[in-house]
Amino acid sequence: MSELQFRPATRDDIVAIVALLVDDELGAKREDPSDLAPYRTAFEAIESNPMHELIVATKDGVVVGCCQITILHNLSRRGSTRALLEAVRVAGTMRGQKVGEQLVHYAIARAKARGAVLLQLTSDKRRDKAIRFYERLGFVASHEGMKLVL
């Protein structure tokens, strides 16, 4: 069995990434794999913006995980750069095999390579296992996150 490989996502990965987004009790209610047009449009926007990295984890050539980091330049923290980690997903068949851990460590390395001094994320409060996972990796619930649906 081969090791995990990490690489930038390509257009050819969209179907697999959407499948990962759906493979989750919350994602199953809000994603629609039958209509890929909005995902393709979003991919084009992500790919064309150098501040975004959409990353896939592959094993034996099959996409088994994904995440996105966005680089944010700030005036706060003495003009530091931070990164936002989103859409961390691992195929249900691969959960519990350290794929998510390796994927997040890769994202951390990418964020550092881009000059980020802080990596932040939000996780839906209903995702108890995900929150414990991030805490095990050293993330601290230091702020109260909020969202406004537009």
C-alpha atoms as a PDB file:
ATOM      1  CA  MET A   1       0.000   0.000   0.000  1.00  0.00           C
ATOM      2  CA  SER A   2       1.386   3.403  -0.955  1.00  0.00           C
ATOM      3  CA  GLU A   3       1.828   6.466   1.209  1.00  0.00           C
ATOM      4  CA  LEU A   4      -0.374   9.515   0.988  1.00  0.00           C
ATOM      5  CA  GLN A   5       0.529  12.089  -1.619  1.00  0.00           C
ATOM      6  CA  PHE A   6      -0.498  15.740  -1.453  1.00  0.00           C
ATOM      7  CA  ARG A   7      -0.908  18.041  -4.426  1.00  0.00           C
ATOM      8  CA  PRO A   8      -2.899  21.005  -5.699  1.00  0.00           C
ATOM      9  CA  ALA A   9      -6.371  20.012  -6.839  1.00  0.00           C
ATOM     10  CA  THR A  10      -7.131  20.063 -10.555  1.00  0.00           C
ATOM     11  CA  ARG A  11     -10.396  20.389 -12.466  1.00  0.00           C
ATOM     12  CA  ASP A  12     -10.349  16.617 -12.830  1.00  0.00           C
ATOM     13  CA  ASP A  13     -10.655  16.320  -9.024  1.00  0.00           C
ATOM     14  CA  ILE A  14     -13.922  18.256  -8.719  1.00  0.00           C
ATOM     15  CA  VAL A  15     -16.164  15.168  -8.749  1.00  0.00           C
ATOM     16  CA  ALA A  16     -14.039  13.476  -6.066  1.00  0.00           C
ATOM     17  CA  ILE A  17     -13.924  16.617  -3.907  1.00  0.00           C
ATOM     18  CA  VAL A  18     -17.692  17.058  -4.099  1.00  0.00           C
ATOM     19  CA  ALA A  19     -18.081  13.392  -3.137  1.00  0.00           C
ATOM     20  CA  LEU A  20     -15.969  14.101  -0.039  1.00  0.00           C
ATOM     21  CA  LEU A  21     -18.125  17.120   0.810  1.00  0.00           C
ATOM     22  CA  VAL A  22     -21.279  14.991   0.552  1.00  0.00           C
ATOM     23  CA  ASP A  23     -19.778  12.110   2.589  1.00  0.00           C
ATOM     24  CA  ASP A  24     -20.782  13.739   5.856  1.00  0.00           C
ATOM     25  CA  GLU A  25     -24.084  14.171   7.701  1.00  0.00           C
ATOM     26  CA  LEU A  26     -24.028  17.972   7.379  1.00  0.00           C
ATOM     27  CA  GLY A  27     -22.633  18.050   3.850  1.00  0.00           C
ATOM     28  CA  ALA A  28     -25.199  15.526   2.657  1.00  0.00           C
ATOM     29  CA  LYS A  29     -27.898  18.107   3.407  1.00  0.00           C
ATOM     30  CA  ARG A  30     -26.261  21.110   1.759  1.00  0.00           C
ATOM     31  CA  GLU A  31     -24.245  19.791  -1.183  1.00  0.00           C
ATOM     32  CA  ASP A  32     -25.640  18.660  -4.545  1.00  0.00           C
ATOM     33  CA  PRO A  33     -23.383  16.349  -6.556  1.00  0.00           C
ATOM     34  CA  SER A  34     -25.961  16.163  -9.360  1.00  0.00           C
ATOM     35  CA  ASP A  35     -25.146  19.745 -10.428  1.00  0.00           C
ATOM     36  CA  LEU A  36     -21.404  20.349 -10.695  1.00  0.00           C
ATOM     37  CA  ALA A  37     -21.668  23.760 -12.398  1.00  0.00           C
ATOM     38  CA  PRO A  38     -21.418  25.843  -9.198  1.00  0.00           C
ATOM     39  CA  TYR A  39     -18.479  23.745  -7.998  1.00  0.00           C
ATOM     40  CA  ARG A  40     -16.685  24.274 -11.317  1.00  0.00           C
ATOM     41  CA  THR A  41     -17.295  28.032 -11.083  1.00  0.00           C
ATOM     42  CA  ALA A  42     -15.945  28.073  -7.522  1.00  0.00           C
ATOM     43  CA  PHE A  43     -12.935  26.003  -8.579  1.00  0.00           C
ATOM     44  CA  GLU A  44     -12.116  28.504 -11.337  1.00  0.00           C
ATOM     45  CA  ALA A  45     -12.227  31.358  -8.812  1.00  0.00           C
ATOM     46  CA  ILE A  46     -10.061  29.453  -6.325  1.00  0.00           C
ATOM     47  CA  GLU A  47      -7.545  28.377  -8.959  1.00  0.00           C
ATOM     48  CA  SER A  48      -7.199  31.897 -10.370  1.00  0.00           C
ATOM     49  CA  ASN A  49      -6.494  33.490  -6.977  1.00  0.00           C
ATOM     50  CA  PRO A  50      -2.940  32.941  -5.713  1.00  0.00           C
ATOM     51  CA  MET A  51      -4.103  33.460  -2.120  1.00  0.00           C
ATOM     52  CA  HIS A  52      -5.996  30.147  -2.245  1.00  0.00           C
ATOM     53  CA  GLU A  53      -4.701  26.590  -2.256  1.00  0.00           C
ATOM     54  CA  LEU A  54      -7.113  23.714  -2.757  1.00  0.00           C
ATOM     55  CA  ILE A  55      -5.227  20.587  -1.752  1.00  0.00           C
ATOM     56  CA  VAL A  56      -6.041  16.927  -2.276  1.00  0.00           C
ATOM     57  CA  ALA A  57      -4.615  13.892  -0.535  1.00  0.00           C
ATOM     58  CA  THR A  58      -4.330  10.821  -2.729  1.00  0.00           C
ATOM     59  CA  LYS A  59      -3.590   7.188  -2.021  1.00  0.00           C
ATOM     60  CA  ASP A  60      -2.835   4.869  -4.906  1.00  0.00           C
ATOM     61  CA  GLY A  61      -3.938   7.686  -7.224  1.00  0.00           C
ATOM     62  CA  VAL A  62      -7.381   8.040  -5.626  1.00  0.00           C
ATOM     63  CA  VAL A  63      -8.464  11.267  -3.910  1.00  0.00           C
ATOM     64  CA  VAL A  64      -9.095  10.395  -0.243  1.00  0.00           C
ATOM     65  CA  GLY A  65      -9.022  13.843   1.355  1.00  0.00           C
ATOM     66  CA  CYS A  66      -9.078  17.550   0.668  1.00  0.00           C
ATOM     67  CA  CYS A  67      -8.721  20.923   2.305  1.00  0.00           C
ATOM     68  CA  GLN A  68      -8.403  24.557   1.358  1.00  0.00           C
ATOM     69  CA  ILE A  69      -6.111  27.206   2.780  1.00  0.00           C
ATOM     70  CA  THR A  70      -6.541  30.898   2.163  1.00  0.00           C
ATOM     71  CA  ILE A  71      -3.718  33.320   2.885  1.00  0.00           C
ATOM     72  CA  LEU A  72      -4.805  36.507   4.633  1.00  0.00           C
ATOM     73  CA  HIS A  73      -2.600  39.565   5.044  1.00  0.00           C
ATOM     74  CA  ASN A  74      -3.475  41.624   8.106  1.00  0.00           C
ATOM     75  CA  LEU A  75      -2.549  44.854   9.781  1.00  0.00           C
ATOM     76  CA  SER A  76      -3.117  43.231  13.172  1.00  0.00           C
ATOM     77  CA  ARG A  77      -0.334  41.294  14.864  1.00  0.00           C
ATOM     78  CA  ARG A  78       2.159  43.776  13.465  1.00  0.00           C
ATOM     79  CA  GLY A  79       1.147  43.265   9.853  1.00  0.00           C
ATOM     80  CA  SER A  80       1.392  39.502  10.011  1.00  0.00           C
ATOM     81  CA  THR A  81       0.109  36.940   7.562  1.00  0.00           C
ATOM     82  CA  ARG A  82      -2.301  34.264   8.675  1.00  0.00           C
ATOM     83  CA  ALA A  83      -3.999  31.375   6.933  1.00  0.00           C
ATOM     84  CA  LEU A  84      -7.550  30.111   7.074  1.00  0.00           C
ATOM     85  CA  LEU A  85      -8.102  26.349   6.895  1.00  0.00           C
ATOM     86  CA  GLU A  86     -11.437  25.175   5.499  1.00  0.00           C
ATOM     87  CA  ALA A  87     -13.221  22.213   3.929  1.00  0.00           C
ATOM     88  CA  VAL A  88     -11.078  19.553   5.585  1.00  0.00           C
ATOM     89  CA  ARG A  89     -12.621  16.285   4.487  1.00  0.00           C
ATOM     90  CA  VAL A  90     -11.522  12.648   4.511  1.00  0.00           C
ATOM     91  CA  ALA A  91     -13.285   9.794   2.728  1.00  0.00           C
ATOM     92  CA  GLY A  92     -15.411   7.783   5.141  1.00  0.00           C
ATOM     93  CA  THR A  93     -13.517   4.610   4.249  1.00  0.00           C
ATOM     94  CA  MET A  94     -10.223   6.272   5.240  1.00  0.00           C
ATOM     95  CA  ARG A  95     -11.234   7.867   8.551  1.00  0.00           C
ATOM     96  CA  GLY A  96      -9.304   6.667  11.572  1.00  0.00           C
ATOM     97  CA  GLN A  97      -6.172   6.019   9.488  1.00  0.00           C
ATOM     98  CA  LYS A  98      -4.357   9.331  10.166  1.00  0.00           C
ATOM     99  CA  VAL A  99      -5.275  10.768   6.755  1.00  0.00           C
ATOM    100  CA  GLY A 100      -6.814  13.876   8.312  1.00  0.00           C
ATOM    101  CA  GLU A 101      -3.850  14.341  10.611  1.00  0.00           C
ATOM    102  CA  GLN A 102      -1.374  14.124   7.746  1.00  0.00           C
ATOM    103  CA  LEU A 103      -3.526  16.415   5.607  1.00  0.00           C
ATOM    104  CA  VAL A 104      -3.699  19.093   8.309  1.00  0.00           C
ATOM    105  CA  HIS A 105       0.048  18.823   8.940  1.00  0.00           C
ATOM    106  CA  TYR A 106       0.601  19.327   5.212  1.00  0.00           C
ATOM    107  CA  ALA A 107      -1.698  22.377   5.271  1.00  0.00           C
ATOM    108  CA  ILE A 108       0.249  23.745   8.250  1.00  0.00           C
ATOM    109  CA  ALA A 109       3.501  23.329   6.315  1.00  0.00           C
ATOM    110  CA  ARG A 110       1.998  25.080   3.267  1.00  0.00           C
ATOM    111  CA  ALA A 111       0.741  27.949   5.441  1.00  0.00           C
ATOM    112  CA  LYS A 112       4.180  28.355   7.026  1.00  0.00           C
ATOM    113  CA  ALA A 113       5.822  28.257   3.598  1.00  0.00           C
ATOM    114  CA  ARG A 114       3.531  31.122   2.566  1.00  0.00           C
ATOM    115  CA  GLY A 115       4.660  33.169   5.586  1.00  0.00           C
ATOM    116  CA  ALA A 116       1.674  32.617   7.860  1.00  0.00           C
ATOM    117  CA  VAL A 117       2.294  32.927  11.584  1.00  0.00           C
ATOM    118  CA  LEU A 118      -1.189  31.721  12.536  1.00  0.00           C
ATOM    119  CA  LEU A 119      -3.547  29.106  11.116  1.00  0.00           C
ATOM    120  CA  GLN A 120      -7.185  29.534  12.028  1.00  0.00           C
ATOM    121  CA  LEU A 121     -10.293  27.508  11.336  1.00  0.00           C
ATOM    122  CA  THR A 122     -13.899  27.151  12.321  1.00  0.00           C
ATOM    123  CA  SER A 123     -15.729  23.893  12.816  1.00  0.00           C
ATOM    124  CA  ASP A 124     -19.474  23.473  13.077  1.00  0.00           C
ATOM    125  CA  LYS A 125     -20.372  23.023  16.746  1.00  0.00           C
ATOM    126  CA  ARG A 126     -22.285  19.865  15.813  1.00  0.00           C
ATOM    127  CA  ARG A 127     -19.021  18.225  14.705  1.00  0.00           C
ATOM    128  CA  ASP A 128     -17.860  17.011  18.132  1.00  0.00           C
ATOM    129  CA  LYS A 129     -15.363  14.522  16.689  1.00  0.00           C
ATOM    130  CA  ALA A 130     -13.864  17.140  14.383  1.00  0.00           C
ATOM    131  CA  ILE A 131     -13.443  19.595  17.242  1.00  0.00           C
ATOM    132  CA  ARG A 132     -11.663  16.967  19.361  1.00  0.00           C
ATOM    133  CA  PHE A 133      -9.505  16.099  16.330  1.00  0.00           C
ATOM    134  CA  TYR A 134      -8.360  19.718  15.927  1.00  0.00           C
ATOM    135  CA  GLU A 135      -7.702  20.022  19.655  1.00  0.00           C
ATOM    136  CA  ARG A 136      -5.480  16.918  19.513  1.00  0.00           C
ATOM    137  CA  LEU A 137      -3.494  18.648  16.757  1.00  0.00           C
ATOM    138  CA  GLY A 138      -2.902  21.683  18.974  1.00  0.00           C
ATOM    139  CA  PHE A 139      -5.684  24.026  17.869  1.00  0.00           C
ATOM    140  CA  VAL A 140      -7.200  26.050  20.710  1.00  0.00           C
ATOM    141  CA  ALA A 141     -10.770  27.355  20.878  1.00  0.00           C
ATOM    142  CA  SER A 142      -9.536  30.858  21.705  1.00  0.00           C
ATOM    143  CA  HIS A 143     -12.253  32.864  19.953  1.00  0.00           C
ATOM    144  CA  GLU A 144     -16.004  32.665  19.470  1.00  0.00           C
ATOM    145  CA  GLY A 145     -16.689  32.312  15.745  1.00  0.00           C
ATOM    146  CA  MET A 146     -19.830  33.619  14.123  1.00  0.00           C
ATOM    147  CA  LYS A 147     -21.350  33.399  10.653  1.00  0.00           C
ATOM    148  CA  LEU A 148     -24.055  35.300   8.861  1.00  0.00           C
ATOM    149  CA  VAL A 149     -25.807  33.563   5.989  1.00  0.00           C
ATOM    150  CA  LEU A 150     -26.166  36.056   3.126  1.00  0.00           C
END
